[in-house]
PDB file of N, CA and C in Angstrom:
ATOM      1  N   MET A   1      12.641   8.550  -9.020  1.00  0.00           N
ATOM      2  CA  MET A   1      13.672   9.273  -8.326  1.00  0.00           C
ATOM      3  C   MET A   1      13.018  10.243  -7.344  1.00  0.00           C
ATOM      4  N   ARG A   2      13.551  10.298  -6.127  1.00  0.00           N
ATOM      5  CA  ARG A   2      13.014  11.158  -5.078  1.00  0.00           C
ATOM      6  C   ARG A   2      13.380  12.609  -5.369  1.00  0.00           C
ATOM      7  N   GLN A   3      12.390  13.480  -5.229  1.00  0.00           N
ATOM      8  CA  GLN A   3      12.622  14.911  -5.394  1.00  0.00           C
ATOM      9  C   GLN A   3      13.242  15.452  -4.113  1.00  0.00           C
ATOM     10  N   ARG A   4      14.263  16.269  -4.239  1.00  0.00           N
ATOM     11  CA  ARG A   4      14.961  16.776  -3.057  1.00  0.00           C
ATOM     12  C   ARG A   4      14.088  17.682  -2.206  1.00  0.00           C
ATOM     13  N   ASP A   5      13.227  18.444  -2.836  1.00  0.00           N
ATOM     14  CA  ASP A   5      12.420  19.397  -2.081  1.00  0.00           C
ATOM     15  C   ASP A   5      11.034  18.862  -1.736  1.00  0.00           C
ATOM     16  N   ALA A   6      10.756  17.637  -2.076  1.00  0.00           N
ATOM     17  CA  ALA A   6       9.434  17.066  -1.804  1.00  0.00           C
ATOM     18  C   ALA A   6       9.354  16.596  -0.351  1.00  0.00           C
ATOM     19  N   PRO A   7       8.231  16.875   0.324  1.00  0.00           N
ATOM     20  CA  PRO A   7       8.042  16.337   1.674  1.00  0.00           C
ATOM     21  C   PRO A   7       8.057  14.806   1.642  1.00  0.00           C
ATOM     22  N   ASP A   8       8.375  14.199   2.772  1.00  0.00           N
ATOM     23  CA  ASP A   8       8.472  12.737   2.845  1.00  0.00           C
ATOM     24  C   ASP A   8       7.184  12.043   2.425  1.00  0.00           C
ATOM     25  N   ASN A   9       6.031  12.596   2.824  1.00  0.00           N
ATOM     26  CA  ASN A   9       4.777  11.926   2.466  1.00  0.00           C
ATOM     27  C   ASN A   9       4.498  12.015   0.968  1.00  0.00           C
ATOM     28  N   VAL A  10       4.951  13.070   0.327  1.00  0.00           N
ATOM     29  CA  VAL A  10       4.802  13.195  -1.127  1.00  0.00           C
ATOM     30  C   VAL A  10       5.707  12.172  -1.819  1.00  0.00           C
ATOM     31  N   SER A  11       6.923  12.039  -1.325  1.00  0.00           N
ATOM     32  CA  SER A  11       7.837  11.040  -1.887  1.00  0.00           C
ATOM     33  C   SER A  11       7.312   9.627  -1.664  1.00  0.00           C
ATOM     34  N   GLY A  12       6.697   9.395  -0.505  1.00  0.00           N
ATOM     35  CA  GLY A  12       6.109   8.085  -0.223  1.00  0.00           C
ATOM     36  C   GLY A  12       4.996   7.745  -1.195  1.00  0.00           C
ATOM     37  N   MET A  13       4.155   8.717  -1.485  1.00  0.00           N
ATOM     38  CA  MET A  13       3.065   8.491  -2.442  1.00  0.00           C
ATOM     39  C   MET A  13       3.638   8.259  -3.842  1.00  0.00           C
ATOM     40  N   GLN A  14       4.706   8.956  -4.168  1.00  0.00           N
ATOM     41  CA  GLN A  14       5.344   8.771  -5.467  1.00  0.00           C
ATOM     42  C   GLN A  14       5.839   7.327  -5.612  1.00  0.00           C
ATOM     43  N   VAL A  15       6.428   6.786  -4.563  1.00  0.00           N
ATOM     44  CA  VAL A  15       6.912   5.400  -4.589  1.00  0.00           C
ATOM     45  C   VAL A  15       5.753   4.436  -4.822  1.00  0.00           C
ATOM     46  N   VAL A  16       4.639   4.674  -4.157  1.00  0.00           N
ATOM     47  CA  VAL A  16       3.462   3.814  -4.319  1.00  0.00           C
ATOM     48  C   VAL A  16       2.978   3.835  -5.761  1.00  0.00           C
ATOM     49  N   LEU A  17       2.948   5.004  -6.356  1.00  0.00           N
ATOM     50  CA  LEU A  17       2.403   5.154  -7.705  1.00  0.00           C
ATOM     51  C   LEU A  17       3.334   4.645  -8.803  1.00  0.00           C
ATOM     52  N   GLN A  18       4.553   4.290  -8.463  1.00  0.00           N
ATOM     53  CA  GLN A  18       5.514   3.828  -9.462  1.00  0.00           C
ATOM     54  C   GLN A  18       5.240   2.415  -9.966  1.00  0.00           C
ATOM     55  N   ALA A  19       4.412   1.660  -9.278  1.00  0.00           N
ATOM     56  CA  ALA A  19       4.146   0.275  -9.691  1.00  0.00           C
ATOM     57  C   ALA A  19       2.644   0.024  -9.755  1.00  0.00           C
ATOM     58  N   GLN A  20       2.201  -0.494 -10.873  1.00  0.00           N
ATOM     59  CA  GLN A  20       0.779  -0.777 -11.051  1.00  0.00           C
ATOM     60  C   GLN A  20       0.276  -1.755  -9.995  1.00  0.00           C
ATOM     61  N   SER A  21       1.099  -2.722  -9.617  1.00  0.00           N
ATOM     62  CA  SER A  21       0.666  -3.705  -8.617  1.00  0.00           C
ATOM     63  C   SER A  21       0.356  -3.029  -7.286  1.00  0.00           C
ATOM     64  N   ARG A  22       1.139  -2.040  -6.899  1.00  0.00           N
ATOM     65  CA  ARG A  22       0.886  -1.322  -5.642  1.00  0.00           C
ATOM     66  C   ARG A  22      -0.415  -0.544  -5.716  1.00  0.00           C
ATOM     67  N   VAL A  23      -0.646   0.095  -6.838  1.00  0.00           N
ATOM     68  CA  VAL A  23      -1.881   0.866  -7.018  1.00  0.00           C
ATOM     69  C   VAL A  23      -3.089  -0.070  -6.961  1.00  0.00           C
ATOM     70  N   LEU A  24      -3.004  -1.218  -7.624  1.00  0.00           N
ATOM     71  CA  LEU A  24      -4.117  -2.172  -7.626  1.00  0.00           C
ATOM     72  C   LEU A  24      -4.415  -2.712  -6.230  1.00  0.00           C
ATOM     73  N   VAL A  25      -3.366  -3.087  -5.503  1.00  0.00           N
ATOM     74  CA  VAL A  25      -3.564  -3.612  -4.149  1.00  0.00           C
ATOM     75  C   VAL A  25      -4.127  -2.523  -3.246  1.00  0.00           C
ATOM     76  N   LEU A  26      -3.572  -1.326  -3.313  1.00  0.00           N
ATOM     77  CA  LEU A  26      -4.063  -0.234  -2.475  1.00  0.00           C
ATOM     78  C   LEU A  26      -5.520   0.085  -2.790  1.00  0.00           C
ATOM     79  N   ARG A  27      -5.853   0.150  -4.051  1.00  0.00           N
ATOM     80  CA  ARG A  27      -7.241   0.436  -4.455  1.00  0.00           C
ATOM     81  C   ARG A  27      -8.192  -0.629  -3.901  1.00  0.00           C
ATOM     82  N   HIS A  28      -7.790  -1.873  -4.004  1.00  0.00           N
ATOM     83  CA  HIS A  28      -8.626  -2.968  -3.503  1.00  0.00           C
ATOM     84  C   HIS A  28      -8.793  -2.867  -1.986  1.00  0.00           C
ATOM     85  N   LEU A  29      -7.710  -2.605  -1.273  1.00  0.00           N
ATOM     86  CA  LEU A  29      -7.774  -2.550   0.184  1.00  0.00           C
ATOM     87  C   LEU A  29      -8.488  -1.298   0.690  1.00  0.00           C
ATOM     88  N   LEU A  30      -8.558  -0.268  -0.117  1.00  0.00           N
ATOM     89  CA  LEU A  30      -9.340   0.912   0.261  1.00  0.00           C
ATOM     90  C   LEU A  30     -10.835   0.597   0.262  1.00  0.00           C
ATOM     91  N   ARG A  31     -11.214  -0.434  -0.468  1.00  0.00           N
ATOM     92  CA  ARG A  31     -12.626  -0.851  -0.512  1.00  0.00           C
ATOM     93  C   ARG A  31     -12.999  -1.755   0.656  1.00  0.00           C
ATOM     94  N   GLY A  32     -11.994  -2.352   1.295  1.00  0.00           N
ATOM     95  CA  GLY A  32     -12.260  -3.218   2.442  1.00  0.00           C
ATOM     96  C   GLY A  32     -11.123  -4.197   2.666  1.00  0.00           C
ATOM     97  N   PRO A  33     -11.084  -4.820   3.844  1.00  0.00           N
ATOM     98  CA  PRO A  33     -10.018  -5.763   4.183  1.00  0.00           C
ATOM     99  C   PRO A  33     -10.028  -6.997   3.278  1.00  0.00           C
ATOM    100  N   ALA A  34      -8.856  -7.608   3.159  1.00  0.00           N
ATOM    101  CA  ALA A  34      -8.726  -8.834   2.364  1.00  0.00           C
ATOM    102  C   ALA A  34      -7.529  -9.631   2.865  1.00  0.00           C
ATOM    103  N   THR A  35      -7.608 -10.943   2.695  1.00  0.00           N
ATOM    104  CA  THR A  35      -6.459 -11.798   2.979  1.00  0.00           C
ATOM    105  C   THR A  35      -5.550 -11.795   1.749  1.00  0.00           C
ATOM    106  N   PHE A  36      -4.357 -12.336   1.939  1.00  0.00           N
ATOM    107  CA  PHE A  36      -3.414 -12.436   0.832  1.00  0.00           C
ATOM    108  C   PHE A  36      -4.005 -13.264  -0.307  1.00  0.00           C
ATOM    109  N   ASP A  37      -4.609 -14.402   0.033  1.00  0.00           N
ATOM    110  CA  ASP A  37      -5.205 -15.268  -0.991  1.00  0.00           C
ATOM    111  C   ASP A  37      -6.344 -14.576  -1.730  1.00  0.00           C
ATOM    112  N   GLU A  38      -7.136 -13.791  -1.018  1.00  0.00           N
ATOM    113  CA  GLU A  38      -8.212 -13.038  -1.677  1.00  0.00           C
ATOM    114  C   GLU A  38      -7.642 -12.017  -2.658  1.00  0.00           C
ATOM    115  N   LEU A  39      -6.572 -11.346  -2.252  1.00  0.00           N
ATOM    116  CA  LEU A  39      -5.935 -10.384  -3.161  1.00  0.00           C
ATOM    117  C   LEU A  39      -5.419 -11.089  -4.414  1.00  0.00           C
ATOM    118  N   LEU A  40      -4.748 -12.218  -4.227  1.00  0.00           N
ATOM    119  CA  LEU A  40      -4.224 -12.971  -5.372  1.00  0.00           C
ATOM    120  C   LEU A  40      -5.339 -13.358  -6.336  1.00  0.00           C
ATOM    121  N   ARG A  41      -6.392 -13.889  -5.789  1.00  0.00           N
ATOM    122  CA  ARG A  41      -7.508 -14.373  -6.607  1.00  0.00           C
ATOM    123  C   ARG A  41      -8.237 -13.215  -7.297  1.00  0.00           C
ATOM    124  N   GLU A  42      -8.566 -12.191  -6.547  1.00  0.00           N
ATOM    125  CA  GLU A  42      -9.385 -11.107  -7.087  1.00  0.00           C
ATOM    126  C   GLU A  42      -8.613 -10.164  -8.004  1.00  0.00           C
ATOM    127  N   LEU A  43      -7.299 -10.057  -7.809  1.00  0.00           N
ATOM    128  CA  LEU A  43      -6.503  -9.156  -8.646  1.00  0.00           C
ATOM    129  C   LEU A  43      -5.717  -9.897  -9.716  1.00  0.00           C
ATOM    130  N   ASP A  44      -5.740 -11.232  -9.675  1.00  0.00           N
ATOM    131  CA  ASP A  44      -5.023 -12.052 -10.654  1.00  0.00           C
ATOM    132  C   ASP A  44      -3.555 -11.628 -10.748  1.00  0.00           C
ATOM    133  N   MET A  45      -2.902 -11.594  -9.591  1.00  0.00           N
ATOM    134  CA  MET A  45      -1.501 -11.180  -9.508  1.00  0.00           C
ATOM    135  C   MET A  45      -0.616 -12.376  -9.190  1.00  0.00           C
ATOM    136  N   SER A  46       0.672 -12.206  -9.427  1.00  0.00           N
ATOM    137  CA  SER A  46       1.631 -13.226  -9.012  1.00  0.00           C
ATOM    138  C   SER A  46       1.831 -13.121  -7.503  1.00  0.00           C
ATOM    139  N   VAL A  47       2.275 -14.209  -6.907  1.00  0.00           N
ATOM    140  CA  VAL A  47       2.549 -14.218  -5.471  1.00  0.00           C
ATOM    141  C   VAL A  47       3.617 -13.177  -5.145  1.00  0.00           C
ATOM    142  N   ALA A  48       4.688 -13.171  -5.915  1.00  0.00           N
ATOM    143  CA  ALA A  48       5.783 -12.227  -5.659  1.00  0.00           C
ATOM    144  C   ALA A  48       5.328 -10.777  -5.811  1.00  0.00           C
ATOM    145  N   GLY A  49       4.555 -10.498  -6.840  1.00  0.00           N
ATOM    146  CA  GLY A  49       4.076  -9.132  -7.064  1.00  0.00           C
ATOM    147  C   GLY A  49       3.171  -8.652  -5.953  1.00  0.00           C
ATOM    148  N   CYS A  50       2.293  -9.520  -5.503  1.00  0.00           N
ATOM    149  CA  CYS A  50       1.364  -9.169  -4.426  1.00  0.00           C
ATOM    150  C   CYS A  50       2.122  -8.989  -3.113  1.00  0.00           C
ATOM    151  N   ARG A  51       3.026  -9.894  -2.829  1.00  0.00           N
ATOM    152  CA  ARG A  51       3.811  -9.813  -1.592  1.00  0.00           C
ATOM    153  C   ARG A  51       4.634  -8.525  -1.554  1.00  0.00           C
ATOM    154  N   GLN A  52       5.265  -8.197  -2.675  1.00  0.00           N
ATOM    155  CA  GLN A  52       6.077  -6.976  -2.743  1.00  0.00           C
ATOM    156  C   GLN A  52       5.205  -5.739  -2.587  1.00  0.00           C
ATOM    157  N   ALA A  53       4.042  -5.733  -3.210  1.00  0.00           N
ATOM    158  CA  ALA A  53       3.132  -4.587  -3.102  1.00  0.00           C
ATOM    159  C   ALA A  53       2.700  -4.384  -1.654  1.00  0.00           C
ATOM    160  N   ILE A  54       2.326  -5.456  -0.981  1.00  0.00           N
ATOM    161  CA  ILE A  54       1.913  -5.349   0.419  1.00  0.00           C
ATOM    162  C   ILE A  54       3.067  -4.850   1.280  1.00  0.00           C
ATOM    163  N   TYR A  55       4.261  -5.364   1.027  1.00  0.00           N
ATOM    164  CA  TYR A  55       5.429  -4.938   1.801  1.00  0.00           C
ATOM    165  C   TYR A  55       5.675  -3.439   1.641  1.00  0.00           C
ATOM    166  N   VAL A  56       5.705  -2.960   0.409  1.00  0.00           N
ATOM    167  CA  VAL A  56       5.980  -1.539   0.160  1.00  0.00           C
ATOM    168  C   VAL A  56       4.874  -0.663   0.741  1.00  0.00           C
ATOM    169  N   LEU A  57       3.628  -1.066   0.556  1.00  0.00           N
ATOM    170  CA  LEU A  57       2.504  -0.290   1.084  1.00  0.00           C
ATOM    171  C   LEU A  57       2.514  -0.259   2.611  1.00  0.00           C
ATOM    172  N   THR A  58       2.916  -1.354   3.226  1.00  0.00           N
ATOM    173  CA  THR A  58       3.012  -1.398   4.686  1.00  0.00           C
ATOM    174  C   THR A  58       4.148  -0.507   5.173  1.00  0.00           C
ATOM    175  N   GLU A  59       5.299  -0.607   4.526  1.00  0.00           N
ATOM    176  CA  GLU A  59       6.444   0.222   4.901  1.00  0.00           C
ATOM    177  C   GLU A  59       6.146   1.710   4.721  1.00  0.00           C
ATOM    178  N   ALA A  60       5.339   2.038   3.726  1.00  0.00           N
ATOM    179  CA  ALA A  60       4.969   3.438   3.474  1.00  0.00           C
ATOM    180  C   ALA A  60       3.918   3.937   4.461  1.00  0.00           C
ATOM    181  N   GLY A  61       3.319   3.024   5.221  1.00  0.00           N
ATOM    182  CA  GLY A  61       2.321   3.411   6.206  1.00  0.00           C
ATOM    183  C   GLY A  61       0.907   3.485   5.671  1.00  0.00           C
ATOM    184  N   TYR A  62       0.661   2.881   4.504  1.00  0.00           N
ATOM    185  CA  TYR A  62      -0.662   2.930   3.889  1.00  0.00           C
ATOM    186  C   TYR A  62      -1.493   1.677   4.128  1.00  0.00           C
ATOM    187  N   VAL A  63      -0.849   0.592   4.540  1.00  0.00           N
ATOM    188  CA  VAL A  63      -1.539  -0.683   4.767  1.00  0.00           C
ATOM    189  C   VAL A  63      -1.092  -1.244   6.110  1.00  0.00           C
ATOM    190  N   THR A  64      -2.014  -1.885   6.792  1.00  0.00           N
ATOM    191  CA  THR A  64      -1.702  -2.572   8.044  1.00  0.00           C
ATOM    192  C   THR A  64      -2.418  -3.920   8.041  1.00  0.00           C
ATOM    193  N   ASP A  65      -2.198  -4.707   9.094  1.00  0.00           N
ATOM    194  CA  ASP A  65      -2.814  -6.035   9.160  1.00  0.00           C
ATOM    195  C   ASP A  65      -3.116  -6.402  10.600  1.00  0.00           C
ATOM    196  N   ASP A  66      -3.784  -7.538  10.765  1.00  0.00           N
ATOM    197  CA  ASP A  66      -4.177  -7.983  12.099  1.00  0.00           C
ATOM    198  C   ASP A  66      -3.296  -9.105  12.650  1.00  0.00           C
ATOM    199  N   ALA A  67      -2.143  -9.354  12.032  1.00  0.00           N
ATOM    200  CA  ALA A  67      -1.249 -10.419  12.498  1.00  0.00           C
ATOM    201  C   ALA A  67      -0.486  -9.972  13.743  1.00  0.00           C
ATOM    202  N   ASP A  68      -0.174 -10.931  14.587  1.00  0.00           N
ATOM    203  CA  ASP A  68       0.653 -10.667  15.763  1.00  0.00           C
ATOM    204  C   ASP A  68       2.022 -10.189  15.268  1.00  0.00           C
ATOM    205  N   PRO A  69       2.501  -9.033  15.739  1.00  0.00           N
ATOM    206  CA  PRO A  69       3.782  -8.503  15.255  1.00  0.00           C
ATOM    207  C   PRO A  69       4.978  -9.401  15.570  1.00  0.00           C
ATOM    208  N   SER A  70       4.817 -10.315  16.515  1.00  0.00           N
ATOM    209  CA  SER A  70       5.933 -11.196  16.858  1.00  0.00           C
ATOM    210  C   SER A  70       6.101 -12.338  15.856  1.00  0.00           C
ATOM    211  N   TYR A  71       5.114 -12.549  14.982  1.00  0.00           N
ATOM    212  CA  TYR A  71       5.211 -13.621  13.987  1.00  0.00           C
ATOM    213  C   TYR A  71       6.280 -13.284  12.957  1.00  0.00           C
ATOM    214  N   ARG A  72       7.103 -14.266  12.668  1.00  0.00           N
ATOM    215  CA  ARG A  72       8.108 -14.078  11.619  1.00  0.00           C
ATOM    216  C   ARG A  72       7.436 -14.082  10.242  1.00  0.00           C
ATOM    217  N   ARG A  73       6.488 -15.003  10.059  1.00  0.00           N
ATOM    218  CA  ARG A  73       5.705 -15.061   8.820  1.00  0.00           C
ATOM    219  C   ARG A  73       4.246 -14.879   9.187  1.00  0.00           C
ATOM    220  N   LYS A  74       3.548 -14.158   8.367  1.00  0.00           N
ATOM    221  CA  LYS A  74       2.140 -13.886   8.652  1.00  0.00           C
ATOM    222  C   LYS A  74       1.293 -15.116   8.302  1.00  0.00           C
ATOM    223  N   PRO A  75       0.347 -15.466   9.175  1.00  0.00           N
ATOM    224  CA  PRO A  75      -0.546 -16.592   8.883  1.00  0.00           C
ATOM    225  C   PRO A  75      -1.396 -16.303   7.643  1.00  0.00           C
ATOM    226  N   SER A  76      -1.854 -17.360   6.996  1.00  0.00           N
ATOM    227  CA  SER A  76      -2.634 -17.188   5.761  1.00  0.00           C
ATOM    228  C   SER A  76      -3.949 -16.465   5.997  1.00  0.00           C
ATOM    229  N   GLU A  77      -4.471 -16.526   7.216  1.00  0.00           N
ATOM    230  CA  GLU A  77      -5.741 -15.845   7.494  1.00  0.00           C
ATOM    231  C   GLU A  77      -5.563 -14.365   7.860  1.00  0.00           C
ATOM    232  N   THR A  78      -4.336 -13.871   7.808  1.00  0.00           N
ATOM    233  CA  THR A  78      -4.079 -12.456   8.102  1.00  0.00           C
ATOM    234  C   THR A  78      -4.901 -11.578   7.170  1.00  0.00           C
ATOM    235  N   ARG A  79      -5.553 -10.583   7.749  1.00  0.00           N
ATOM    236  CA  ARG A  79      -6.353  -9.636   6.958  1.00  0.00           C
ATOM    237  C   ARG A  79      -5.584  -8.328   6.859  1.00  0.00           C
ATOM    238  N   TYR A  80      -5.539  -7.787   5.663  1.00  0.00           N
ATOM    239  CA  TYR A  80      -4.877  -6.513   5.377  1.00  0.00           C
ATOM    240  C   TYR A  80      -5.940  -5.470   5.071  1.00  0.00           C
ATOM    241  N   TRP A  81      -5.661  -4.229   5.404  1.00  0.00           N
ATOM    242  CA  TRP A  81      -6.561  -3.135   5.029  1.00  0.00           C
ATOM    243  C   TRP A  81      -5.759  -1.852   4.888  1.00  0.00           C
ATOM    244  N   ALA A  82      -6.313  -0.931   4.121  1.00  0.00           N
ATOM    245  CA  ALA A  82      -5.670   0.362   3.884  1.00  0.00           C
ATOM    246  C   ALA A  82      -6.059   1.343   4.975  1.00  0.00           C
ATOM    247  N   LEU A  83      -5.140   2.212   5.300  1.00  0.00           N
ATOM    248  CA  LEU A  83      -5.387   3.292   6.257  1.00  0.00           C
ATOM    249  C   LEU A  83      -5.877   4.498   5.457  1.00  0.00           C
ATOM    250  N   ARG A  84      -7.172   4.524   5.259  1.00  0.00           N
ATOM    251  CA  ARG A  84      -7.829   5.473   4.353  1.00  0.00           C
ATOM    252  C   ARG A  84      -7.452   6.930   4.635  1.00  0.00           C
ATOM    253  N   ASP A  85      -7.461   7.347   5.890  1.00  0.00           N
ATOM    254  CA  ASP A  85      -7.156   8.745   6.207  1.00  0.00           C
ATOM    255  C   ASP A  85      -5.732   9.113   5.811  1.00  0.00           C
ATOM    256  N   ARG A  86      -4.802   8.196   6.051  1.00  0.00           N
ATOM    257  CA  ARG A  86      -3.398   8.449   5.695  1.00  0.00           C
ATOM    258  C   ARG A  86      -3.237   8.522   4.178  1.00  0.00           C
ATOM    259  N   VAL A  87      -3.862   7.587   3.474  1.00  0.00           N
ATOM    260  CA  VAL A  87      -3.786   7.581   2.008  1.00  0.00           C
ATOM    261  C   VAL A  87      -4.380   8.868   1.452  1.00  0.00           C
ATOM    262  N   ALA A  88      -5.542   9.260   1.949  1.00  0.00           N
ATOM    263  CA  ALA A  88      -6.212  10.466   1.449  1.00  0.00           C
ATOM    264  C   ALA A  88      -5.375  11.712   1.708  1.00  0.00           C
ATOM    265  N   ALA A  89      -4.824  11.837   2.903  1.00  0.00           N
ATOM    266  CA  ALA A  89      -4.021  13.012   3.241  1.00  0.00           C
ATOM    267  C   ALA A  89      -2.772  13.095   2.368  1.00  0.00           C
ATOM    268  N   ASP A  90      -2.080  11.968   2.203  1.00  0.00           N
ATOM    269  CA  ASP A  90      -0.859  11.980   1.400  1.00  0.00           C
ATOM    270  C   ASP A  90      -1.159  12.168  -0.082  1.00  0.00           C
ATOM    271  N   ALA A  91      -2.252  11.606  -0.569  1.00  0.00           N
ATOM    272  CA  ALA A  91      -2.633  11.800  -1.976  1.00  0.00           C
ATOM    273  C   ALA A  91      -2.951  13.271  -2.230  1.00  0.00           C
ATOM    274  N   LEU A  92      -3.634  13.906  -1.299  1.00  0.00           N
ATOM    275  CA  LEU A  92      -3.947  15.329  -1.435  1.00  0.00           C
ATOM    276  C   LEU A  92      -2.668  16.167  -1.422  1.00  0.00           C
ATOM    277  N   ASP A  93      -1.756  15.862  -0.514  1.00  0.00           N
ATOM    278  CA  ASP A  93      -0.477  16.578  -0.483  1.00  0.00           C
ATOM    279  C   ASP A  93       0.313  16.359  -1.764  1.00  0.00           C
ATOM    280  N   PHE A  94       0.234  15.157  -2.322  1.00  0.00           N
ATOM    281  CA  PHE A  94       0.918  14.848  -3.577  1.00  0.00           C
ATOM    282  C   PHE A  94       0.385  15.729  -4.709  1.00  0.00           C
ATOM    283  N   VAL A  95      -0.929  15.837  -4.805  1.00  0.00           N
ATOM    284  CA  VAL A  95      -1.547  16.667  -5.850  1.00  0.00           C
ATOM    285  C   VAL A  95      -1.216  18.139  -5.623  1.00  0.00           C
ATOM    286  N   LYS A  96      -1.265  18.597  -4.394  1.00  0.00           N
ATOM    287  CA  LYS A  96      -0.902  19.989  -4.089  1.00  0.00           C
ATOM    288  C   LYS A  96       0.534  20.272  -4.517  1.00  0.00           C
ATOM    289  N   TYR A  97       1.421  19.314  -4.247  1.00  0.00           N
ATOM    290  CA  TYR A  97       2.825  19.470  -4.631  1.00  0.00           C
ATOM    291  C   TYR A  97       2.964  19.566  -6.150  1.00  0.00           C
ATOM    292  N   LEU A  98       2.231  18.724  -6.868  1.00  0.00           N
ATOM    293  CA  LEU A  98       2.286  18.751  -8.333  1.00  0.00           C
ATOM    294  C   LEU A  98       1.809  20.080  -8.898  1.00  0.00           C
ATOM    295  N   LEU A  99       0.771  20.633  -8.301  1.00  0.00           N
ATOM    296  CA  LEU A  99       0.148  21.844  -8.834  1.00  0.00           C
ATOM    297  C   LEU A  99       0.778  23.133  -8.320  1.00  0.00           C
ATOM    298  N   ALA A 100       1.694  23.014  -7.374  1.00  0.00           N
ATOM    299  CA  ALA A 100       2.320  24.215  -6.790  1.00  0.00           C
ATOM    300  C   ALA A 100       3.282  24.873  -7.757  1.00  0.00           C
TER     301      ALA A 100
END
C-alpha cells in the first residue's frame, strides 16, 4: 500500500521491493546487461515472472533496454540493464524515509 506522505521515488522503490522476482532481476541487472533469455536461464524464473519484473522495473525507471521504441514486441536479442544511479538514489531516499 502506498504511503500518503511518501515521496514518489520512495513509493516506487517500495513497489519494486514487494516482489522477490523484481529484486532478483534488478540485482542481476545492476551487475551488468542481460537479454531476457539470459535472465531466465541465470535466475531460473518463469517467463511470466521475468516479463512482469522487467515491465515493473522499466515503468519505475530502474531498467532500460536497447530495443527500438517503435517495436511492438522486443526482439529476443534486446539487452536490458539497470540505471544504477537512479536505483542508488531512490534506495537511499527509501532508507532515509524509513529512518526519519
